[in-house]
Amino acid sequence: MSVRPPRQFSPQSYANASTDPLTAALDYEILQEKAGTLGRLGRALEAALANLRNFETTFQVKNTAGEPLNASSHHNCNSHQQLKKEAAQALWYVVIQREICGLPTNHKFFDQYDIPAEVRVLMGSGSVLNTVSGSSKETTKKRQTTSA
């Protein structure tokens, strides 16, 4: 889904403003910030995916039938879930920033980063975002105390 800016911000309305050096400088700064943010978020996504892959190779999370190994280690399962949630959150941030920059998010993007399907499914889930930053009860308590 792409968000269309209001008509007052369309390129036609900037036709007269393009001769203004202050507007051109501001537009340039905004584009630099968008690109810089996209780069930082992309590196964060790569790091989250690398952490997930390292964990999976270290602990050999699944066997060939897709069943979890080391089932006795509950901590490993929780850590694996947490790493998937962190990767999903990082993916969500990159997708949003790509939309802001006007770049399409398609299958080529997911293939380029080699994003697992289980991370794609978790992307954008509100419950995932709450559990990554803390439990939803803790988040609610923080919001209530700061707003009071």
N, C-alpha and C. Protein backbone atom coordinates (compact mmCIF):
# COMPACT_ATOMS: atom_id res chain seq x y z
N MET A 1 0.85 -1.17 0.00
CA MET A 1 0.00 0.00 0.00
C MET A 1 0.90 1.23 0.00
N SER A 2 0.57 2.16 -0.84
CA SER A 2 1.34 3.39 -0.94
C SER A 2 0.44 4.55 -0.55
N VAL A 3 1.02 5.50 0.14
CA VAL A 3 0.28 6.67 0.57
C VAL A 3 0.59 7.81 -0.37
N ARG A 4 -0.44 8.41 -0.90
CA ARG A 4 -0.28 9.53 -1.82
C ARG A 4 -0.27 10.82 -1.02
N PRO A 5 0.74 11.67 -1.21
CA PRO A 5 0.76 12.93 -0.48
C PRO A 5 -0.36 13.86 -0.97
N PRO A 6 -0.73 14.81 -0.14
CA PRO A 6 -1.76 15.77 -0.56
C PRO A 6 -1.34 16.50 -1.84
N ARG A 7 -2.32 16.96 -2.60
CA ARG A 7 -2.03 17.62 -3.88
C ARG A 7 -1.16 18.87 -3.73
N GLN A 8 -1.26 19.52 -2.60
CA GLN A 8 -0.45 20.72 -2.42
C GLN A 8 1.04 20.40 -2.40
N PHE A 9 1.38 19.11 -2.16
CA PHE A 9 2.77 18.70 -2.15
C PHE A 9 3.17 17.96 -3.42
N SER A 10 2.34 18.03 -4.44
CA SER A 10 2.63 17.33 -5.69
C SER A 10 3.78 18.04 -6.41
N PRO A 11 4.45 17.33 -7.32
CA PRO A 11 5.57 17.95 -8.04
C PRO A 11 5.17 19.19 -8.83
N GLN A 12 3.91 19.26 -9.32
CA GLN A 12 3.48 20.43 -10.07
C GLN A 12 3.47 21.67 -9.17
N SER A 13 3.12 21.51 -7.90
CA SER A 13 3.09 22.67 -7.02
C SER A 13 4.49 23.13 -6.66
N TYR A 14 5.48 22.24 -6.86
CA TYR A 14 6.86 22.62 -6.59
C TYR A 14 7.54 23.25 -7.81
N ALA A 15 6.83 23.32 -8.91
CA ALA A 15 7.45 23.87 -10.13
C ALA A 15 7.96 25.28 -9.89
N ASN A 16 7.16 26.10 -9.22
CA ASN A 16 7.60 27.47 -8.93
C ASN A 16 8.59 27.50 -7.78
N ALA A 17 8.48 26.55 -6.86
CA ALA A 17 9.35 26.54 -5.69
C ALA A 17 10.75 26.04 -6.02
N SER A 18 10.92 25.33 -7.14
CA SER A 18 12.23 24.77 -7.47
C SER A 18 13.26 25.86 -7.73
N THR A 19 12.81 27.06 -8.06
CA THR A 19 13.75 28.15 -8.27
C THR A 19 14.20 28.75 -6.95
N ASP A 20 13.48 28.47 -5.88
CA ASP A 20 13.84 28.97 -4.56
C ASP A 20 14.95 28.11 -3.99
N PRO A 21 16.13 28.68 -3.71
CA PRO A 21 17.25 27.86 -3.22
C PRO A 21 17.01 27.29 -1.83
N LEU A 22 16.24 27.99 -1.00
CA LEU A 22 15.96 27.47 0.34
C LEU A 22 15.07 26.22 0.27
N THR A 23 14.09 26.24 -0.59
CA THR A 23 13.22 25.07 -0.75
C THR A 23 14.00 23.90 -1.33
N ALA A 24 14.86 24.19 -2.30
CA ALA A 24 15.68 23.13 -2.89
C ALA A 24 16.62 22.53 -1.85
N ALA A 25 17.20 23.37 -1.00
CA ALA A 25 18.10 22.88 0.04
C ALA A 25 17.35 22.02 1.06
N LEU A 26 16.15 22.47 1.43
CA LEU A 26 15.34 21.71 2.37
C LEU A 26 14.92 20.36 1.78
N ASP A 27 14.52 20.36 0.51
CA ASP A 27 14.16 19.11 -0.15
C ASP A 27 15.36 18.15 -0.18
N TYR A 28 16.54 18.69 -0.44
CA TYR A 28 17.75 17.88 -0.48
C TYR A 28 18.03 17.27 0.89
N GLU A 29 17.89 18.06 1.94
CA GLU A 29 18.11 17.56 3.31
C GLU A 29 17.10 16.47 3.66
N ILE A 30 15.86 16.65 3.27
CA ILE A 30 14.83 15.65 3.56
C ILE A 30 15.15 14.34 2.85
N LEU A 31 15.56 14.43 1.58
CA LEU A 31 15.93 13.23 0.85
C LEU A 31 17.13 12.53 1.48
N GLN A 32 18.09 13.31 1.96
CA GLN A 32 19.25 12.72 2.62
C GLN A 32 18.83 11.97 3.89
N GLU A 33 17.94 12.55 4.66
CA GLU A 33 17.47 11.90 5.88
C GLU A 33 16.71 10.62 5.58
N LYS A 34 15.86 10.66 4.55
CA LYS A 34 15.13 9.46 4.16
C LYS A 34 16.09 8.34 3.76
N ALA A 35 17.07 8.68 2.94
CA ALA A 35 18.04 7.68 2.48
C ALA A 35 18.90 7.17 3.63
N GLY A 36 19.32 8.06 4.51
CA GLY A 36 20.13 7.65 5.65
C GLY A 36 19.36 6.73 6.59
N THR A 37 18.09 7.06 6.82
CA THR A 37 17.26 6.23 7.68
C THR A 37 17.05 4.86 7.06
N LEU A 38 16.80 4.83 5.76
CA LEU A 38 16.61 3.55 5.07
C LEU A 38 17.88 2.71 5.18
N GLY A 39 19.03 3.32 5.04
CA GLY A 39 20.30 2.59 5.17
C GLY A 39 20.50 2.02 6.56
N ARG A 40 20.23 2.84 7.58
CA ARG A 40 20.39 2.37 8.97
C ARG A 40 19.42 1.23 9.27
N LEU A 41 18.18 1.37 8.82
CA LEU A 41 17.20 0.31 9.06
C LEU A 41 17.55 -0.96 8.30
N GLY A 42 18.09 -0.81 7.09
CA GLY A 42 18.52 -1.96 6.31
C GLY A 42 19.65 -2.71 7.01
N ARG A 43 20.60 -1.98 7.58
CA ARG A 43 21.69 -2.62 8.31
C ARG A 43 21.18 -3.31 9.57
N ALA A 44 20.20 -2.69 10.24
CA ALA A 44 19.60 -3.31 11.43
C ALA A 44 18.87 -4.60 11.04
N LEU A 45 18.19 -4.60 9.89
CA LEU A 45 17.52 -5.81 9.42
C LEU A 45 18.55 -6.89 9.11
N GLU A 46 19.62 -6.54 8.44
CA GLU A 46 20.65 -7.52 8.13
C GLU A 46 21.25 -8.11 9.40
N ALA A 47 21.46 -7.27 10.41
CA ALA A 47 22.01 -7.77 11.68
C ALA A 47 21.03 -8.70 12.38
N ALA A 48 19.74 -8.35 12.38
CA ALA A 48 18.74 -9.19 13.03
C ALA A 48 18.63 -10.54 12.31
N LEU A 49 18.67 -10.52 10.99
CA LEU A 49 18.61 -11.77 10.23
C LEU A 49 19.87 -12.61 10.45
N ALA A 50 21.01 -11.95 10.56
CA ALA A 50 22.26 -12.68 10.82
C ALA A 50 22.21 -13.33 12.20
N ASN A 51 21.70 -12.62 13.19
CA ASN A 51 21.57 -13.20 14.54
C ASN A 51 20.66 -14.42 14.51
N LEU A 52 19.56 -14.30 13.79
CA LEU A 52 18.63 -15.42 13.68
C LEU A 52 19.28 -16.62 13.00
N ARG A 53 19.98 -16.38 11.91
CA ARG A 53 20.64 -17.48 11.19
C ARG A 53 21.74 -18.12 12.03
N ASN A 54 22.51 -17.29 12.74
CA ASN A 54 23.56 -17.84 13.60
C ASN A 54 22.97 -18.72 14.69
N PHE A 55 21.89 -18.27 15.28
CA PHE A 55 21.23 -19.06 16.31
C PHE A 55 20.74 -20.38 15.74
N GLU A 56 20.12 -20.33 14.56
CA GLU A 56 19.58 -21.54 13.95
C GLU A 56 20.67 -22.53 13.58
N THR A 57 21.80 -22.04 13.10
CA THR A 57 22.89 -22.96 12.76
C THR A 57 23.59 -23.48 14.00
N THR A 58 23.72 -22.65 15.03
CA THR A 58 24.38 -23.07 16.25
C THR A 58 23.58 -24.15 16.97
N PHE A 59 22.29 -23.95 17.09
CA PHE A 59 21.46 -24.87 17.85
C PHE A 59 20.70 -25.85 16.97
N GLN A 60 20.88 -25.76 15.65
CA GLN A 60 20.16 -26.63 14.72
C GLN A 60 18.70 -26.74 15.13
N VAL A 61 18.01 -25.62 15.02
CA VAL A 61 16.67 -25.46 15.57
C VAL A 61 15.69 -26.50 15.05
N LYS A 62 15.75 -26.86 13.76
CA LYS A 62 14.78 -27.80 13.21
C LYS A 62 15.49 -28.95 12.51
N ASN A 63 14.87 -30.11 12.55
CA ASN A 63 15.40 -31.23 11.79
C ASN A 63 14.76 -31.23 10.41
N THR A 64 14.99 -32.26 9.63
CA THR A 64 14.49 -32.29 8.26
C THR A 64 12.97 -32.34 8.20
N ALA A 65 12.32 -32.88 9.23
CA ALA A 65 10.85 -32.93 9.25
C ALA A 65 10.25 -31.64 9.77
N GLY A 66 11.09 -30.68 10.15
CA GLY A 66 10.59 -29.41 10.66
C GLY A 66 10.24 -29.44 12.13
N GLU A 67 10.61 -30.53 12.81
CA GLU A 67 10.33 -30.62 14.24
C GLU A 67 11.49 -30.02 15.02
N PRO A 68 11.19 -29.33 16.13
CA PRO A 68 12.27 -28.71 16.90
C PRO A 68 13.19 -29.75 17.53
N LEU A 69 14.47 -29.47 17.49
CA LEU A 69 15.45 -30.28 18.19
C LEU A 69 15.70 -29.64 19.55
N ASN A 70 16.36 -30.34 20.41
CA ASN A 70 16.66 -29.83 21.75
C ASN A 70 15.40 -29.35 22.45
N ALA A 71 14.35 -30.14 22.38
CA ALA A 71 13.07 -29.74 22.96
C ALA A 71 13.16 -29.55 24.46
N SER A 72 14.16 -30.19 25.10
CA SER A 72 14.29 -30.04 26.54
C SER A 72 14.77 -28.65 26.93
N SER A 73 15.35 -27.94 25.99
CA SER A 73 15.86 -26.60 26.29
C SER A 73 14.79 -25.56 25.94
N HIS A 74 13.98 -25.25 26.92
CA HIS A 74 12.89 -24.28 26.73
C HIS A 74 13.47 -22.89 26.46
N HIS A 75 14.61 -22.59 27.05
CA HIS A 75 15.23 -21.28 26.86
C HIS A 75 15.62 -21.07 25.40
N ASN A 76 16.11 -22.13 24.74
CA ASN A 76 16.48 -22.02 23.32
C ASN A 76 15.27 -21.71 22.47
N CYS A 77 14.13 -22.34 22.77
CA CYS A 77 12.91 -22.07 22.01
C CYS A 77 12.46 -20.63 22.20
N ASN A 78 12.51 -20.14 23.43
CA ASN A 78 12.13 -18.75 23.70
C ASN A 78 13.09 -17.78 23.02
N SER A 79 14.37 -18.08 23.04
CA SER A 79 15.35 -17.22 22.39
C SER A 79 15.12 -17.18 20.88
N HIS A 80 14.81 -18.34 20.31
CA HIS A 80 14.56 -18.40 18.88
C HIS A 80 13.33 -17.58 18.51
N GLN A 81 12.28 -17.69 19.28
CA GLN A 81 11.07 -16.90 19.03
C GLN A 81 11.37 -15.41 19.15
N GLN A 82 12.15 -15.04 20.16
CA GLN A 82 12.49 -13.63 20.35
C GLN A 82 13.30 -13.10 19.17
N LEU A 83 14.24 -13.89 18.67
CA LEU A 83 15.04 -13.46 17.51
C LEU A 83 14.17 -13.31 16.27
N LYS A 84 13.21 -14.21 16.09
CA LYS A 84 12.29 -14.08 14.94
C LYS A 84 11.45 -12.82 15.08
N LYS A 85 11.01 -12.52 16.28
CA LYS A 85 10.20 -11.31 16.50
C LYS A 85 11.02 -10.05 16.25
N GLU A 86 12.27 -10.05 16.68
CA GLU A 86 13.14 -8.89 16.45
C GLU A 86 13.39 -8.71 14.95
N ALA A 87 13.61 -9.80 14.24
CA ALA A 87 13.81 -9.71 12.78
C ALA A 87 12.54 -9.21 12.10
N ALA A 88 11.37 -9.66 12.57
CA ALA A 88 10.11 -9.22 11.99
C ALA A 88 9.89 -7.74 12.23
N GLN A 89 10.26 -7.27 13.41
CA GLN A 89 10.11 -5.84 13.70
C GLN A 89 11.06 -5.02 12.82
N ALA A 90 12.28 -5.46 12.67
CA ALA A 90 13.23 -4.76 11.81
C ALA A 90 12.75 -4.75 10.36
N LEU A 91 12.18 -5.86 9.91
CA LEU A 91 11.63 -5.94 8.56
C LEU A 91 10.48 -4.95 8.40
N TRP A 92 9.61 -4.86 9.39
CA TRP A 92 8.48 -3.95 9.35
C TRP A 92 8.96 -2.51 9.21
N TYR A 93 9.99 -2.14 9.97
CA TYR A 93 10.52 -0.78 9.89
C TYR A 93 11.09 -0.48 8.50
N VAL A 94 11.78 -1.45 7.91
CA VAL A 94 12.35 -1.24 6.57
C VAL A 94 11.23 -1.10 5.53
N VAL A 95 10.21 -1.93 5.63
CA VAL A 95 9.10 -1.86 4.68
C VAL A 95 8.42 -0.49 4.76
N ILE A 96 8.19 -0.01 5.98
CA ILE A 96 7.56 1.30 6.15
C ILE A 96 8.44 2.40 5.57
N GLN A 97 9.74 2.35 5.84
CA GLN A 97 10.64 3.39 5.32
C GLN A 97 10.73 3.33 3.80
N ARG A 98 10.70 2.13 3.24
CA ARG A 98 10.69 2.01 1.77
C ARG A 98 9.43 2.66 1.20
N GLU A 99 8.30 2.48 1.86
CA GLU A 99 7.06 3.12 1.41
C GLU A 99 7.19 4.64 1.49
N ILE A 100 7.79 5.14 2.55
CA ILE A 100 7.98 6.58 2.70
C ILE A 100 8.86 7.13 1.58
N CYS A 101 9.86 6.35 1.19
CA CYS A 101 10.77 6.78 0.12
C CYS A 101 10.17 6.56 -1.26
N GLY A 102 9.02 5.91 -1.35
CA GLY A 102 8.39 5.68 -2.63
C GLY A 102 8.92 4.46 -3.36
N LEU A 103 9.62 3.58 -2.66
CA LEU A 103 10.16 2.37 -3.27
C LEU A 103 9.17 1.22 -3.10
N PRO A 104 9.02 0.41 -4.11
CA PRO A 104 8.08 -0.71 -3.97
C PRO A 104 8.67 -1.81 -3.09
N THR A 105 7.82 -2.48 -2.36
CA THR A 105 8.24 -3.63 -1.58
C THR A 105 7.61 -4.85 -2.24
N ASN A 106 8.43 -5.64 -2.89
CA ASN A 106 7.91 -6.79 -3.62
C ASN A 106 8.74 -8.03 -3.30
N HIS A 107 8.48 -9.09 -4.00
CA HIS A 107 9.16 -10.36 -3.73
C HIS A 107 10.66 -10.27 -3.97
N LYS A 108 11.09 -9.43 -4.91
CA LYS A 108 12.53 -9.28 -5.15
C LYS A 108 13.24 -8.74 -3.91
N PHE A 109 12.58 -7.80 -3.22
CA PHE A 109 13.15 -7.25 -1.99
C PHE A 109 13.31 -8.35 -0.95
N PHE A 110 12.27 -9.17 -0.76
CA PHE A 110 12.33 -10.24 0.23
C PHE A 110 13.37 -11.29 -0.16
N ASP A 111 13.50 -11.55 -1.45
CA ASP A 111 14.49 -12.53 -1.91
C ASP A 111 15.91 -11.99 -1.75
N GLN A 112 16.10 -10.69 -1.98
CA GLN A 112 17.43 -10.10 -1.86
C GLN A 112 17.96 -10.23 -0.44
N TYR A 113 17.10 -10.01 0.54
CA TYR A 113 17.51 -10.13 1.94
C TYR A 113 17.37 -11.57 2.45
N ASP A 114 16.84 -12.47 1.64
CA ASP A 114 16.63 -13.87 2.01
C ASP A 114 15.88 -13.97 3.34
N ILE A 115 14.71 -13.36 3.36
CA ILE A 115 13.90 -13.29 4.58
C ILE A 115 13.05 -14.55 4.69
N PRO A 116 13.17 -15.28 5.81
CA PRO A 116 12.38 -16.49 5.97
C PRO A 116 10.88 -16.19 6.02
N ALA A 117 10.09 -17.13 5.57
CA ALA A 117 8.63 -16.96 5.54
C ALA A 117 8.07 -16.72 6.94
N GLU A 118 8.64 -17.39 7.94
CA GLU A 118 8.12 -17.22 9.30
C GLU A 118 8.36 -15.81 9.83
N VAL A 119 9.38 -15.14 9.34
CA VAL A 119 9.62 -13.75 9.73
C VAL A 119 8.65 -12.84 8.98
N ARG A 120 8.40 -13.14 7.72
CA ARG A 120 7.44 -12.35 6.93
C ARG A 120 6.05 -12.39 7.55
N VAL A 121 5.66 -13.55 8.05
CA VAL A 121 4.34 -13.70 8.64
C VAL A 121 4.21 -12.85 9.91
N LEU A 122 5.28 -12.76 10.67
CA LEU A 122 5.23 -11.99 11.92
C LEU A 122 5.32 -10.48 11.69
N MET A 123 5.74 -10.07 10.50
CA MET A 123 5.95 -8.66 10.21
C MET A 123 4.68 -7.84 10.43
N GLY A 124 4.77 -6.78 11.21
CA GLY A 124 3.67 -5.86 11.38
C GLY A 124 2.63 -6.27 12.38
N SER A 125 2.81 -7.40 13.00
CA SER A 125 1.85 -7.85 14.00
C SER A 125 1.99 -7.00 15.25
N GLY A 126 0.90 -6.43 15.71
CA GLY A 126 0.93 -5.59 16.91
C GLY A 126 1.41 -6.33 18.13
N SER A 127 1.05 -7.60 18.26
CA SER A 127 1.49 -8.37 19.42
C SER A 127 2.99 -8.60 19.37
N VAL A 128 3.57 -8.72 18.18
CA VAL A 128 5.01 -8.90 18.05
C VAL A 128 5.74 -7.65 18.51
N LEU A 129 5.24 -6.50 18.10
CA LEU A 129 5.91 -5.25 18.46
C LEU A 129 5.87 -5.03 19.97
N ASN A 130 4.78 -5.41 20.62
CA ASN A 130 4.70 -5.26 22.07
C ASN A 130 5.64 -6.21 22.78
N THR A 131 5.78 -7.44 22.29
CA THR A 131 6.62 -8.40 22.98
C THR A 131 8.09 -8.14 22.75
N VAL A 132 8.44 -7.46 21.67
CA VAL A 132 9.84 -7.14 21.45
C VAL A 132 10.28 -6.03 22.40
N SER A 133 9.44 -5.04 22.60
CA SER A 133 9.82 -3.93 23.47
C SER A 133 9.45 -4.17 24.92
N GLY A 134 8.81 -5.24 25.23
CA GLY A 134 8.38 -5.56 26.58
C GLY A 134 6.99 -6.13 26.51
N SER A 135 6.56 -6.69 27.62
CA SER A 135 5.22 -7.29 27.59
C SER A 135 4.17 -6.21 27.40
N SER A 136 3.03 -6.60 26.87
CA SER A 136 1.98 -5.63 26.58
C SER A 136 1.46 -5.00 27.87
N LYS A 137 1.45 -5.75 28.98
CA LYS A 137 1.01 -5.17 30.25
C LYS A 137 1.98 -4.10 30.72
N GLU A 138 3.29 -4.37 30.58
CA GLU A 138 4.29 -3.37 30.98
C GLU A 138 4.18 -2.13 30.11
N THR A 139 3.97 -2.32 28.80
CA THR A 139 3.85 -1.20 27.89
C THR A 139 2.63 -0.35 28.24
N THR A 140 1.51 -1.02 28.56
CA THR A 140 0.30 -0.31 28.94
C THR A 140 0.52 0.47 30.22
N LYS A 141 1.20 -0.13 31.19
CA LYS A 141 1.48 0.56 32.45
C LYS A 141 2.34 1.79 32.21
N LYS A 142 3.35 1.66 31.36
CA LYS A 142 4.23 2.79 31.05
C LYS A 142 3.45 3.92 30.41
N ARG A 143 2.55 3.58 29.48
CA ARG A 143 1.75 4.61 28.81
C ARG A 143 0.84 5.31 29.81
N GLN A 144 0.25 4.54 30.71
CA GLN A 144 -0.67 5.13 31.69
C GLN A 144 0.06 6.04 32.66
N THR A 145 1.26 5.67 33.08
CA THR A 145 1.99 6.50 34.03
C THR A 145 2.54 7.77 33.37
N THR A 146 2.94 7.67 32.09
CA THR A 146 3.46 8.85 31.42
C THR A 146 2.36 9.83 31.04
N SER A 147 1.16 9.32 30.77
CA SER A 147 0.07 10.21 30.38
C SER A 147 -0.61 10.84 31.60
N ALA A 148 -0.40 10.27 32.77
CA ALA A 148 -1.05 10.80 33.97
C ALA A 148 -0.30 11.95 34.57
